[in-house]
Amino acid sequence: MARILLLAFFFCSAQPLFAIQEDVNPILRHPDFLFSGNEEAKTNFLSAKAFKGGFGVYLKGDQDHVWQFKSAEDVGFFSFGKNMLWRTSFMVEGLADSGKDKKVEFRMRQTGYDLSTAFELLHNEDDVFYIGYHHRCRHGSDHVTDQNVLTPDSADSYDSRVVMRSGLEIGYKAIFRIGAFNLISNSDLNTYLWGQNIDISFQPRLALSSVLQVEYARFKNVTPFFSAGLGTAWITSSNDKSVKHYCLWSPVNESRWRFSPAAALGFSLPGSVGDFRVFASYTSKLDTGFGKTTKDAHFILFSAEFWL
């Protein structure tokens, strides 16, 4: 009953309050995936690790989003017995388009980095609480002029802005088993201690997101799944056009709440080494990072990922 009440609290909180980079990631791992290798409850260095790599094509989006590729690694840097560990996570994501007038079939447009470290506490073998620090940033990549010369900026599009958000994160993830169904949830709150954006009208300070993923685990060789999530962020603006950096306590000119939904549908093929996942997802970004000013966009992405 306590777990159900806690889960309900997180989901209710998400209605009036988002986690960025995706902006909400609708694909979840099982909560205890870094704890499974330490059943003997030892104090270990580099006690567990997990890797994920994937490639996707945007079925719906904008001119800057055609291809996506990403890789990520989670490491149990240090375990304190069976129920507590210190985790570090790193992800890199690349976005590419097909070039101006199709002159280039695969042109890098933007690179995103996601780095976090946190202490995780396993409770009742199914619930994990975590608290740590999370840094996100996006940078522009190559641009091509009409003469196919690489330049920092080009005539056909603005360079991607440098967008950074960095701060404290606290979260809760859990799994509920009901017959052949696994219900996996993740909820987190981000407080951005500092950030960077030359568009001073878009300065996120707080973000909260919740995701629920349902797996049908009756079959041995395939696991269908569906997930849905919702995030919301407190966005502020500044009057000082000369300052591109801001912090949590910077003066606020105006503020508003923005919402970011997400969903995914697909299946997982478990193997002896890892899992292969194929899915279609709907995501939204409150700020794509492209252009001189902030713009949001909605995407449908078809992806294939391999999890180790």
C-alpha atoms as a PDB file:
ATOM      1  CA  MET A   1       0.000   0.000   0.000  1.00  0.00           C
ATOM      2  CA  ALA A   2       2.848   2.399   0.806  1.00  0.00           C
ATOM      3  CA  ARG A   3       4.385   1.841  -2.655  1.00  0.00           C
ATOM      4  CA  ILE A   4       1.042   2.505  -4.364  1.00  0.00           C
ATOM      5  CA  LEU A   5       0.556   5.732  -2.399  1.00  0.00           C
ATOM      6  CA  LEU A   6       4.094   6.876  -3.204  1.00  0.00           C
ATOM      7  CA  LEU A   7       3.636   6.146  -6.901  1.00  0.00           C
ATOM      8  CA  ALA A   8       0.323   8.012  -6.917  1.00  0.00           C
ATOM      9  CA  PHE A   9       1.985  10.980  -5.227  1.00  0.00           C
ATOM     10  CA  PHE A  10       4.615  11.255  -7.963  1.00  0.00           C
ATOM     11  CA  PHE A  11       2.077  11.003 -10.773  1.00  0.00           C
ATOM     12  CA  CYS A  12      -0.246  13.551  -9.206  1.00  0.00           C
ATOM     13  CA  SER A  13       2.680  15.904  -8.683  1.00  0.00           C
ATOM     14  CA  ALA A  14       3.587  15.641 -12.344  1.00  0.00           C
ATOM     15  CA  GLN A  15       0.326  17.158 -13.471  1.00  0.00           C
ATOM     16  CA  PRO A  16       1.037  20.736 -12.293  1.00  0.00           C
ATOM     17  CA  LEU A  17       4.858  20.646 -12.575  1.00  0.00           C
ATOM     18  CA  PHE A  18       9.203  17.644 -17.017  1.00  0.00           C
ATOM     19  CA  ALA A  19      12.604  16.283 -17.363  1.00  0.00           C
ATOM     20  CA  ILE A  20      14.567  17.495 -20.280  1.00  0.00           C
ATOM     21  CA  GLN A  21      16.620  16.251 -22.738  1.00  0.00           C
ATOM     22  CA  GLU A  22      14.141  14.252 -24.662  1.00  0.00           C
ATOM     23  CA  ASP A  23      12.179  15.968 -23.052  1.00  0.00           C
ATOM     24  CA  VAL A  24      10.623  12.872 -21.438  1.00  0.00           C
ATOM     25  CA  ASN A  25      12.212   9.504 -22.202  1.00  0.00           C
ATOM     26  CA  PRO A  26       9.422   6.878 -22.485  1.00  0.00           C
ATOM     27  CA  ILE A  27      11.725   3.810 -22.567  1.00  0.00           C
ATOM     28  CA  LEU A  28      12.591   2.339 -19.153  1.00  0.00           C
ATOM     29  CA  ARG A  29      14.873  -0.369 -17.791  1.00  0.00           C
ATOM     30  CA  HIS A  30      13.961  -2.518 -14.820  1.00  0.00           C
ATOM     31  CA  PRO A  31      14.734  -0.444 -11.689  1.00  0.00           C
ATOM     32  CA  ASP A  32      17.198  -2.879 -10.106  1.00  0.00           C
ATOM     33  CA  PHE A  33      19.353  -3.564 -13.188  1.00  0.00           C
ATOM     34  CA  LEU A  34      22.553  -2.340 -11.475  1.00  0.00           C
ATOM     35  CA  PHE A  35      21.873  -4.262  -8.257  1.00  0.00           C
ATOM     36  CA  SER A  36      21.418  -7.737  -9.747  1.00  0.00           C
ATOM     37  CA  GLY A  37      25.143  -8.566  -9.823  1.00  0.00           C
ATOM     38  CA  ASN A  38      25.779  -8.111  -6.105  1.00  0.00           C
ATOM     39  CA  GLU A  39      23.619 -10.738  -4.404  1.00  0.00           C
ATOM     40  CA  GLU A  40      26.428 -11.523  -1.923  1.00  0.00           C
ATOM     41  CA  ALA A  41      26.081  -8.002  -0.467  1.00  0.00           C
ATOM     42  CA  LYS A  42      29.771  -7.175  -0.815  1.00  0.00           C
ATOM     43  CA  THR A  43      31.357  -3.747  -0.909  1.00  0.00           C
ATOM     44  CA  ASN A  44      32.685  -3.602  -4.457  1.00  0.00           C
ATOM     45  CA  PHE A  45      34.327  -1.194  -6.858  1.00  0.00           C
ATOM     46  CA  LEU A  46      32.746  -1.212 -10.356  1.00  0.00           C
ATOM     47  CA  SER A  47      30.114  -3.683  -9.193  1.00  0.00           C
ATOM     48  CA  ALA A  48      27.906  -3.531 -12.326  1.00  0.00           C
ATOM     49  CA  LYS A  49      27.573  -1.868 -15.722  1.00  0.00           C
ATOM     50  CA  ALA A  50      25.041  -1.642 -18.529  1.00  0.00           C
ATOM     51  CA  PHE A  51      25.275  -0.372 -22.115  1.00  0.00           C
ATOM     52  CA  LYS A  52      22.727   0.782 -24.658  1.00  0.00           C
ATOM     53  CA  GLY A  53      23.202   1.735 -28.318  1.00  0.00           C
ATOM     54  CA  GLY A  54      20.607   2.667 -30.903  1.00  0.00           C
ATOM     55  CA  PHE A  55      19.724   4.220 -34.227  1.00  0.00           C
ATOM     56  CA  GLY A  56      16.478   5.812 -35.377  1.00  0.00           C
ATOM     57  CA  VAL A  57      14.759   7.643 -38.203  1.00  0.00           C
ATOM     58  CA  TYR A  58      12.227  10.418 -37.656  1.00  0.00           C
ATOM     59  CA  LEU A  59       8.882   9.714 -39.323  1.00  0.00           C
ATOM     60  CA  LYS A  60       7.555  13.093 -38.232  1.00  0.00           C
ATOM     61  CA  GLY A  61       9.539  16.110 -37.096  1.00  0.00           C
ATOM     62  CA  ASP A  62      11.216  19.148 -38.587  1.00  0.00           C
ATOM     63  CA  GLN A  63      13.950  19.780 -41.158  1.00  0.00           C
ATOM     64  CA  ASP A  64      16.694  19.489 -38.535  1.00  0.00           C
ATOM     65  CA  HIS A  65      15.648  16.031 -37.309  1.00  0.00           C
ATOM     66  CA  VAL A  66      15.985  13.188 -39.833  1.00  0.00           C
ATOM     67  CA  TRP A  67      18.333  10.664 -38.218  1.00  0.00           C
ATOM     68  CA  GLN A  68      19.181   9.943 -34.596  1.00  0.00           C
ATOM     69  CA  PHE A  69      21.856   7.774 -33.023  1.00  0.00           C
ATOM     70  CA  LYS A  70      22.808   7.373 -29.378  1.00  0.00           C
ATOM     71  CA  SER A  71      24.877   5.362 -26.955  1.00  0.00           C
ATOM     72  CA  ALA A  72      24.699   5.264 -23.174  1.00  0.00           C
ATOM     73  CA  GLU A  73      26.437   3.525 -20.306  1.00  0.00           C
ATOM     74  CA  ASP A  74      25.462   3.103 -16.659  1.00  0.00           C
ATOM     75  CA  VAL A  75      28.095   2.025 -14.146  1.00  0.00           C
ATOM     76  CA  GLY A  76      27.694   0.912 -10.561  1.00  0.00           C
ATOM     77  CA  PHE A  77      30.831   2.781  -9.571  1.00  0.00           C
ATOM     78  CA  PHE A  78      30.828   1.584  -5.981  1.00  0.00           C
ATOM     79  CA  SER A  79      28.412  -0.660  -4.100  1.00  0.00           C
ATOM     80  CA  PHE A  80      27.829  -0.380  -0.355  1.00  0.00           C
ATOM     81  CA  GLY A  81      26.475  -3.848   0.265  1.00  0.00           C
ATOM     82  CA  LYS A  82      23.391  -5.274  -1.425  1.00  0.00           C
ATOM     83  CA  ASN A  83      21.000  -2.330  -1.228  1.00  0.00           C
ATOM     84  CA  MET A  84      23.026   0.818  -1.920  1.00  0.00           C
ATOM     85  CA  LEU A  85      25.375   1.931  -4.685  1.00  0.00           C
ATOM     86  CA  TRP A  86      26.956   4.975  -6.264  1.00  0.00           C
ATOM     87  CA  ARG A  87      26.030   5.181  -9.956  1.00  0.00           C
ATOM     88  CA  THR A  88      27.467   7.174 -12.843  1.00  0.00           C
ATOM     89  CA  SER A  89      25.722   7.472 -16.220  1.00  0.00           C
ATOM     90  CA  PHE A  90      26.776   8.949 -19.547  1.00  0.00           C
ATOM     91  CA  MET A  91      24.866   9.325 -22.804  1.00  0.00           C
ATOM     92  CA  VAL A  92      25.751  10.894 -26.144  1.00  0.00           C
ATOM     93  CA  GLU A  93      23.142  11.574 -28.818  1.00  0.00           C
ATOM     94  CA  GLY A  94      23.670  12.721 -32.396  1.00  0.00           C
ATOM     95  CA  LEU A  95      21.131  14.341 -34.711  1.00  0.00           C
ATOM     96  CA  ALA A  96      21.542  14.540 -38.470  1.00  0.00           C
ATOM     97  CA  ASP A  97      19.572  15.794 -41.447  1.00  0.00           C
ATOM     98  CA  SER A  98      19.837  14.966 -45.137  1.00  0.00           C
ATOM     99  CA  GLY A  99      21.514  18.257 -46.103  1.00  0.00           C
ATOM    100  CA  LYS A 100      20.321  21.277 -48.004  1.00  0.00           C
ATOM    101  CA  ASP A 101      18.624  20.293 -51.269  1.00  0.00           C
ATOM    102  CA  LYS A 102      19.686  16.679 -50.539  1.00  0.00           C
ATOM    103  CA  LYS A 103      23.322  17.470 -51.458  1.00  0.00           C
ATOM    104  CA  VAL A 104      24.465  15.593 -48.356  1.00  0.00           C
ATOM    105  CA  GLU A 105      22.582  12.469 -47.327  1.00  0.00           C
ATOM    106  CA  PHE A 106      23.762  12.445 -43.707  1.00  0.00           C
ATOM    107  CA  ARG A 107      24.815  15.781 -42.226  1.00  0.00           C
ATOM    108  CA  MET A 108      25.504  16.119 -38.496  1.00  0.00           C
ATOM    109  CA  ARG A 109      23.488  18.930 -36.979  1.00  0.00           C
ATOM    110  CA  GLN A 110      23.615  18.582 -33.212  1.00  0.00           C
ATOM    111  CA  THR A 111      25.285  16.582 -30.442  1.00  0.00           C
ATOM    112  CA  GLY A 112      23.820  16.159 -26.986  1.00  0.00           C
ATOM    113  CA  TYR A 113      25.556  14.985 -23.816  1.00  0.00           C
ATOM    114  CA  ASP A 114      23.940  13.709 -20.648  1.00  0.00           C
ATOM    115  CA  LEU A 115      26.029  13.023 -17.537  1.00  0.00           C
ATOM    116  CA  SER A 116      24.731  12.122 -14.101  1.00  0.00           C
ATOM    117  CA  THR A 117      25.928  10.638 -10.834  1.00  0.00           C
ATOM    118  CA  ALA A 118      23.699   9.517  -8.000  1.00  0.00           C
ATOM    119  CA  PHE A 119      23.357   7.373  -4.905  1.00  0.00           C
ATOM    120  CA  GLU A 120      20.733   4.648  -5.330  1.00  0.00           C
ATOM    121  CA  LEU A 121      18.929   2.827  -2.525  1.00  0.00           C
ATOM    122  CA  LEU A 122      17.149  -0.463  -3.240  1.00  0.00           C
ATOM    123  CA  HIS A 123      14.057  -1.130  -1.118  1.00  0.00           C
ATOM    124  CA  ASN A 124      12.016  -4.366  -1.084  1.00  0.00           C
ATOM    125  CA  GLU A 125      13.929  -5.584  -4.181  1.00  0.00           C
ATOM    126  CA  ASP A 126      11.513  -3.667  -6.444  1.00  0.00           C
ATOM    127  CA  ASP A 127      11.791   0.017  -5.459  1.00  0.00           C
ATOM    128  CA  VAL A 128      14.800   2.266  -6.030  1.00  0.00           C
ATOM    129  CA  PHE A 129      15.220   5.781  -4.629  1.00  0.00           C
ATOM    130  CA  TYR A 130      18.008   7.953  -6.014  1.00  0.00           C
ATOM    131  CA  ILE A 131      19.498  11.401  -5.439  1.00  0.00           C
ATOM    132  CA  GLY A 132      22.353  13.009  -7.311  1.00  0.00           C
ATOM    133  CA  TYR A 133      23.533  15.552  -9.849  1.00  0.00           C
ATOM    134  CA  HIS A 134      22.484  15.686 -13.520  1.00  0.00           C
ATOM    135  CA  HIS A 135      24.106  17.714 -16.325  1.00  0.00           C
ATOM    136  CA  ARG A 136      22.617  18.072 -19.822  1.00  0.00           C
ATOM    137  CA  CYS A 137      23.951  20.011 -22.780  1.00  0.00           C
ATOM    138  CA  ARG A 138      23.471  20.291 -26.539  1.00  0.00           C
ATOM    139  CA  HIS A 139      25.920  21.743 -29.067  1.00  0.00           C
ATOM    140  CA  GLY A 140      25.805  22.449 -32.781  1.00  0.00           C
ATOM    141  CA  SER A 141      27.710  20.337 -35.297  1.00  0.00           C
ATOM    142  CA  ASP A 142      28.802  20.815 -38.904  1.00  0.00           C
ATOM    143  CA  HIS A 143      27.053  23.172 -41.296  1.00  0.00           C
ATOM    144  CA  VAL A 144      27.555  23.209 -45.025  1.00  0.00           C
ATOM    145  CA  THR A 145      27.429  26.259 -47.292  1.00  0.00           C
ATOM    146  CA  ASP A 146      26.362  26.241 -50.931  1.00  0.00           C
ATOM    147  CA  GLN A 147      30.014  25.501 -51.798  1.00  0.00           C
ATOM    148  CA  ASN A 148      30.020  22.492 -49.418  1.00  0.00           C
ATOM    149  CA  VAL A 149      32.522  24.194 -47.092  1.00  0.00           C
ATOM    150  CA  LEU A 150      32.218  23.480 -43.377  1.00  0.00           C
ATOM    151  CA  THR A 151      31.688  26.671 -41.392  1.00  0.00           C
ATOM    152  CA  PRO A 152      30.546  27.546 -37.850  1.00  0.00           C
ATOM    153  CA  ASP A 153      27.493  29.215 -39.383  1.00  0.00           C
ATOM    154  CA  SER A 154      26.023  28.944 -42.823  1.00  0.00           C
ATOM    155  CA  ALA A 155      23.551  30.742 -45.011  1.00  0.00           C
ATOM    156  CA  ASP A 156      21.034  27.908 -45.043  1.00  0.00           C
ATOM    157  CA  SER A 157      20.449  27.570 -41.282  1.00  0.00           C
ATOM    158  CA  TYR A 158      21.434  29.019 -37.942  1.00  0.00           C
ATOM    159  CA  ASP A 159      23.905  27.105 -35.880  1.00  0.00           C
ATOM    160  CA  SER A 160      22.464  25.132 -32.998  1.00  0.00           C
ATOM    161  CA  ARG A 161      22.604  27.112 -29.779  1.00  0.00           C
ATOM    162  CA  VAL A 162      24.637  25.862 -26.820  1.00  0.00           C
ATOM    163  CA  VAL A 163      21.935  24.839 -24.338  1.00  0.00           C
ATOM    164  CA  MET A 164      22.920  23.597 -20.885  1.00  0.00           C
ATOM    165  CA  ARG A 165      20.978  22.622 -17.772  1.00  0.00           C
ATOM    166  CA  SER A 166      22.668  21.319 -14.676  1.00  0.00           C
ATOM    167  CA  GLY A 167      21.508  20.643 -11.151  1.00  0.00           C
ATOM    168  CA  LEU A 168      20.208  18.328  -8.458  1.00  0.00           C
ATOM    169  CA  GLU A 169      17.977  15.339  -9.219  1.00  0.00           C
ATOM    170  CA  ILE A 170      15.862  13.157  -6.963  1.00  0.00           C
ATOM    171  CA  GLY A 171      13.770  10.258  -8.170  1.00  0.00           C
ATOM    172  CA  TYR A 172      11.889   7.044  -7.536  1.00  0.00           C
ATOM    173  CA  LYS A 173      11.564   4.006  -9.806  1.00  0.00           C
ATOM    174  CA  ALA A 174       9.649   0.811  -9.164  1.00  0.00           C
ATOM    175  CA  ILE A 175       8.241  -2.335 -10.747  1.00  0.00           C
ATOM    176  CA  PHE A 176       4.847  -3.902 -10.006  1.00  0.00           C
ATOM    177  CA  ARG A 177       4.100  -7.458 -11.170  1.00  0.00           C
ATOM    178  CA  ILE A 178       0.462  -8.250 -11.878  1.00  0.00           C
ATOM    179  CA  GLY A 179       0.040 -11.651 -13.480  1.00  0.00           C
ATOM    180  CA  ALA A 180       1.813 -11.612 -16.852  1.00  0.00           C
ATOM    181  CA  PHE A 181       2.197  -7.806 -16.753  1.00  0.00           C
ATOM    182  CA  ASN A 182       5.146  -5.803 -15.456  1.00  0.00           C
ATOM    183  CA  LEU A 183       4.400  -2.168 -14.611  1.00  0.00           C
ATOM    184  CA  ILE A 184       7.604  -0.117 -14.484  1.00  0.00           C
ATOM    185  CA  SER A 185       7.545   3.484 -13.325  1.00  0.00           C
ATOM    186  CA  ASN A 186      10.049   6.297 -13.041  1.00  0.00           C
ATOM    187  CA  SER A 187       9.495   9.771 -11.606  1.00  0.00           C
ATOM    188  CA  ASP A 188      12.102  12.460 -11.035  1.00  0.00           C
ATOM    189  CA  LEU A 189      12.437  16.058  -9.978  1.00  0.00           C
ATOM    190  CA  ASN A 190      15.219  18.253 -11.385  1.00  0.00           C
ATOM    191  CA  THR A 191      16.301  21.564  -9.886  1.00  0.00           C
ATOM    192  CA  TYR A 192      18.557  23.430 -12.295  1.00  0.00           C
ATOM    193  CA  LEU A 193      21.218  25.239 -10.298  1.00  0.00           C
ATOM    194  CA  TRP A 194      22.656  26.795 -13.442  1.00  0.00           C
ATOM    195  CA  GLY A 195      22.029  26.866 -17.182  1.00  0.00           C
ATOM    196  CA  GLN A 196      22.991  28.489 -20.453  1.00  0.00           C
ATOM    197  CA  ASN A 197      20.894  29.780 -23.360  1.00  0.00           C
ATOM    198  CA  ILE A 198      21.400  32.883 -25.461  1.00  0.00           C
ATOM    199  CA  ASP A 199      17.616  33.084 -25.765  1.00  0.00           C
ATOM    200  CA  ILE A 200      16.907  34.753 -22.419  1.00  0.00           C
ATOM    201  CA  SER A 201      13.165  34.118 -22.790  1.00  0.00           C
ATOM    202  CA  PHE A 202      13.656  30.391 -22.083  1.00  0.00           C
ATOM    203  CA  GLN A 203      15.398  29.543 -18.801  1.00  0.00           C
ATOM    204  CA  PRO A 204      14.094  26.343 -17.134  1.00  0.00           C
ATOM    205  CA  ARG A 205      14.474  26.332 -13.330  1.00  0.00           C
ATOM    206  CA  LEU A 206      12.473  23.274 -12.186  1.00  0.00           C
ATOM    207  CA  ALA A 207      11.315  20.132 -13.995  1.00  0.00           C
ATOM    208  CA  LEU A 208       9.341  17.041 -13.033  1.00  0.00           C
ATOM    209  CA  SER A 209       8.453  13.990 -15.119  1.00  0.00           C
ATOM    210  CA  SER A 210       6.690  10.653 -14.663  1.00  0.00           C
ATOM    211  CA  VAL A 211       6.673   7.624 -16.988  1.00  0.00           C
ATOM    212  CA  LEU A 212       4.762   4.353 -16.752  1.00  0.00           C
ATOM    213  CA  GLN A 213       5.752   1.377 -18.923  1.00  0.00           C
ATOM    214  CA  VAL A 214       3.633  -1.785 -19.231  1.00  0.00           C
ATOM    215  CA  GLU A 215       5.288  -5.037 -20.369  1.00  0.00           C
ATOM    216  CA  TYR A 216       3.460  -8.225 -21.308  1.00  0.00           C
ATOM    217  CA  ALA A 217       5.870 -10.907 -20.137  1.00  0.00           C
ATOM    218  CA  ARG A 218       3.917 -14.071 -20.964  1.00  0.00           C
ATOM    219  CA  PHE A 219       5.987 -15.001 -24.036  1.00  0.00           C
ATOM    220  CA  LYS A 220       9.490 -16.442 -23.767  1.00  0.00           C
ATOM    221  CA  ASN A 221      11.089 -14.934 -26.877  1.00  0.00           C
ATOM    222  CA  VAL A 222       9.351 -11.572 -27.194  1.00  0.00           C
ATOM    223  CA  THR A 223       8.032  -8.962 -24.742  1.00  0.00           C
ATOM    224  CA  PRO A 224       5.605  -6.349 -26.107  1.00  0.00           C
ATOM    225  CA  PHE A 225       5.480  -3.063 -24.227  1.00  0.00           C
ATOM    226  CA  PHE A 226       3.681   0.258 -24.154  1.00  0.00           C
ATOM    227  CA  SER A 227       4.646   3.369 -22.202  1.00  0.00           C
ATOM    228  CA  ALA A 228       3.340   6.866 -21.594  1.00  0.00           C
ATOM    229  CA  GLY A 229       4.771   9.824 -19.736  1.00  0.00           C
ATOM    230  CA  LEU A 230       4.181  13.445 -18.928  1.00  0.00           C
ATOM    231  CA  GLY A 231       6.557  16.168 -17.865  1.00  0.00           C
ATOM    232  CA  THR A 232       6.260  19.787 -16.986  1.00  0.00           C
ATOM    233  CA  ALA A 233       8.806  22.548 -16.426  1.00  0.00           C
ATOM    234  CA  TRP A 234       8.846  25.944 -14.794  1.00  0.00           C
ATOM    235  CA  ILE A 235      10.231  28.244 -17.492  1.00  0.00           C
ATOM    236  CA  THR A 236      11.433  31.749 -16.672  1.00  0.00           C
ATOM    237  CA  SER A 237      12.757  34.685 -18.666  1.00  0.00           C
ATOM    238  CA  SER A 238      15.276  37.448 -17.957  1.00  0.00           C
ATOM    239  CA  ASN A 239      15.590  41.158 -18.772  1.00  0.00           C
ATOM    240  CA  ASP A 240      19.384  41.126 -19.064  1.00  0.00           C
ATOM    241  CA  LYS A 241      20.218  40.489 -22.745  1.00  0.00           C
ATOM    242  CA  SER A 242      23.968  40.575 -22.069  1.00  0.00           C
ATOM    243  CA  VAL A 243      23.945  37.461 -19.867  1.00  0.00           C
ATOM    244  CA  LYS A 244      23.495  34.019 -21.471  1.00  0.00           C
ATOM    245  CA  HIS A 245      24.104  32.096 -18.220  1.00  0.00           C
ATOM    246  CA  TYR A 246      21.607  31.928 -15.372  1.00  0.00           C
ATOM    247  CA  CYS A 247      21.218  30.129 -12.061  1.00  0.00           C
ATOM    248  CA  LEU A 248      18.332  29.016  -9.884  1.00  0.00           C
ATOM    249  CA  TRP A 249      18.329  32.263  -7.882  1.00  0.00           C
ATOM    250  CA  SER A 250      18.735  34.638 -10.877  1.00  0.00           C
ATOM    251  CA  PRO A 251      16.105  37.399 -11.107  1.00  0.00           C
ATOM    252  CA  VAL A 252      12.913  36.344 -12.890  1.00  0.00           C
ATOM    253  CA  ASN A 253      11.114  38.607 -15.330  1.00  0.00           C
ATOM    254  CA  GLU A 254       8.244  36.316 -16.352  1.00  0.00           C
ATOM    255  CA  SER A 255       7.471  32.654 -15.744  1.00  0.00           C
ATOM    256  CA  ARG A 256       5.111  29.976 -17.041  1.00  0.00           C
ATOM    257  CA  TRP A 257       4.561  26.217 -16.948  1.00  0.00           C
ATOM    258  CA  ARG A 258       5.127  24.118 -20.088  1.00  0.00           C
ATOM    259  CA  PHE A 259       4.079  20.497 -20.609  1.00  0.00           C
ATOM    260  CA  SER A 260       5.839  17.732 -22.517  1.00  0.00           C
ATOM    261  CA  PRO A 261       4.058  14.399 -23.252  1.00  0.00           C
ATOM    262  CA  ALA A 262       5.653  11.164 -24.497  1.00  0.00           C
ATOM    263  CA  ALA A 263       4.613   7.625 -25.462  1.00  0.00           C
ATOM    264  CA  ALA A 264       6.129   4.497 -27.009  1.00  0.00           C
ATOM    265  CA  LEU A 265       4.962   1.166 -28.456  1.00  0.00           C
ATOM    266  CA  GLY A 266       7.234  -1.741 -29.350  1.00  0.00           C
ATOM    267  CA  PHE A 267       8.704  -5.078 -28.375  1.00  0.00           C
ATOM    268  CA  SER A 268      11.845  -6.511 -26.816  1.00  0.00           C
ATOM    269  CA  LEU A 269      13.675  -9.640 -27.973  1.00  0.00           C
ATOM    270  CA  PRO A 270      15.650 -11.051 -25.022  1.00  0.00           C
ATOM    271  CA  GLY A 271      18.885 -12.877 -25.772  1.00  0.00           C
ATOM    272  CA  SER A 272      21.709 -14.623 -23.959  1.00  0.00           C
ATOM    273  CA  VAL A 273      23.927 -11.516 -24.204  1.00  0.00           C
ATOM    274  CA  GLY A 274      21.455  -8.645 -24.229  1.00  0.00           C
ATOM    275  CA  ASP A 275      18.081  -7.406 -25.403  1.00  0.00           C
ATOM    276  CA  PHE A 276      17.154  -6.061 -28.835  1.00  0.00           C
ATOM    277  CA  ARG A 277      14.349  -3.496 -28.825  1.00  0.00           C
ATOM    278  CA  VAL A 278      12.302  -2.142 -31.728  1.00  0.00           C
ATOM    279  CA  PHE A 279       9.766   0.604 -31.076  1.00  0.00           C
ATOM    280  CA  ALA A 280       8.018   3.712 -32.320  1.00  0.00           C
ATOM    281  CA  SER A 281       7.890   6.669 -29.951  1.00  0.00           C
ATOM    282  CA  TYR A 282       6.199  10.030 -29.731  1.00  0.00           C
ATOM    283  CA  THR A 283       8.231  12.698 -27.950  1.00  0.00           C
ATOM    284  CA  SER A 284       8.300  16.464 -27.735  1.00  0.00           C
ATOM    285  CA  LYS A 285      10.995  19.015 -27.064  1.00  0.00           C
ATOM    286  CA  LEU A 286      10.239  22.354 -25.450  1.00  0.00           C
ATOM    287  CA  ASP A 287      13.440  23.683 -27.026  1.00  0.00           C
ATOM    288  CA  THR A 288      15.035  21.945 -30.022  1.00  0.00           C
ATOM    289  CA  GLY A 289      18.143  24.129 -29.694  1.00  0.00           C
ATOM    290  CA  PHE A 290      18.017  25.131 -33.372  1.00  0.00           C
ATOM    291  CA  GLY A 291      17.593  28.738 -34.450  1.00  0.00           C
ATOM    292  CA  LYS A 292      18.326  32.001 -32.679  1.00  0.00           C
ATOM    293  CA  THR A 293      15.202  31.741 -30.551  1.00  0.00           C
ATOM    294  CA  THR A 294      13.568  28.835 -28.753  1.00  0.00           C
ATOM    295  CA  LYS A 295      11.082  26.707 -30.648  1.00  0.00           C
ATOM    296  CA  ASP A 296       9.299  23.539 -29.600  1.00  0.00           C
ATOM    297  CA  ALA A 297       8.538  20.534 -31.789  1.00  0.00           C
ATOM    298  CA  HIS A 298       6.806  17.148 -31.708  1.00  0.00           C
ATOM    299  CA  PHE A 299       8.350  13.981 -33.129  1.00  0.00           C
ATOM    300  CA  ILE A 300       7.528  10.418 -34.121  1.00  0.00           C
ATOM    301  CA  LEU A 301      10.671   8.284 -34.133  1.00  0.00           C
ATOM    302  CA  PHE A 302      11.197   4.687 -35.261  1.00  0.00           C
ATOM    303  CA  SER A 303      14.148   3.155 -33.378  1.00  0.00           C
ATOM    304  CA  ALA A 304      16.140  -0.007 -32.876  1.00  0.00           C
ATOM    305  CA  GLU A 305      18.270  -0.421 -29.750  1.00  0.00           C
ATOM    306  CA  PHE A 306      20.566  -3.072 -28.335  1.00  0.00           C
ATOM    307  CA  TRP A 307      20.863  -3.326 -24.558  1.00  0.00           C
ATOM    308  CA  LEU A 308      23.659  -5.097 -22.701  1.00  0.00           C
END
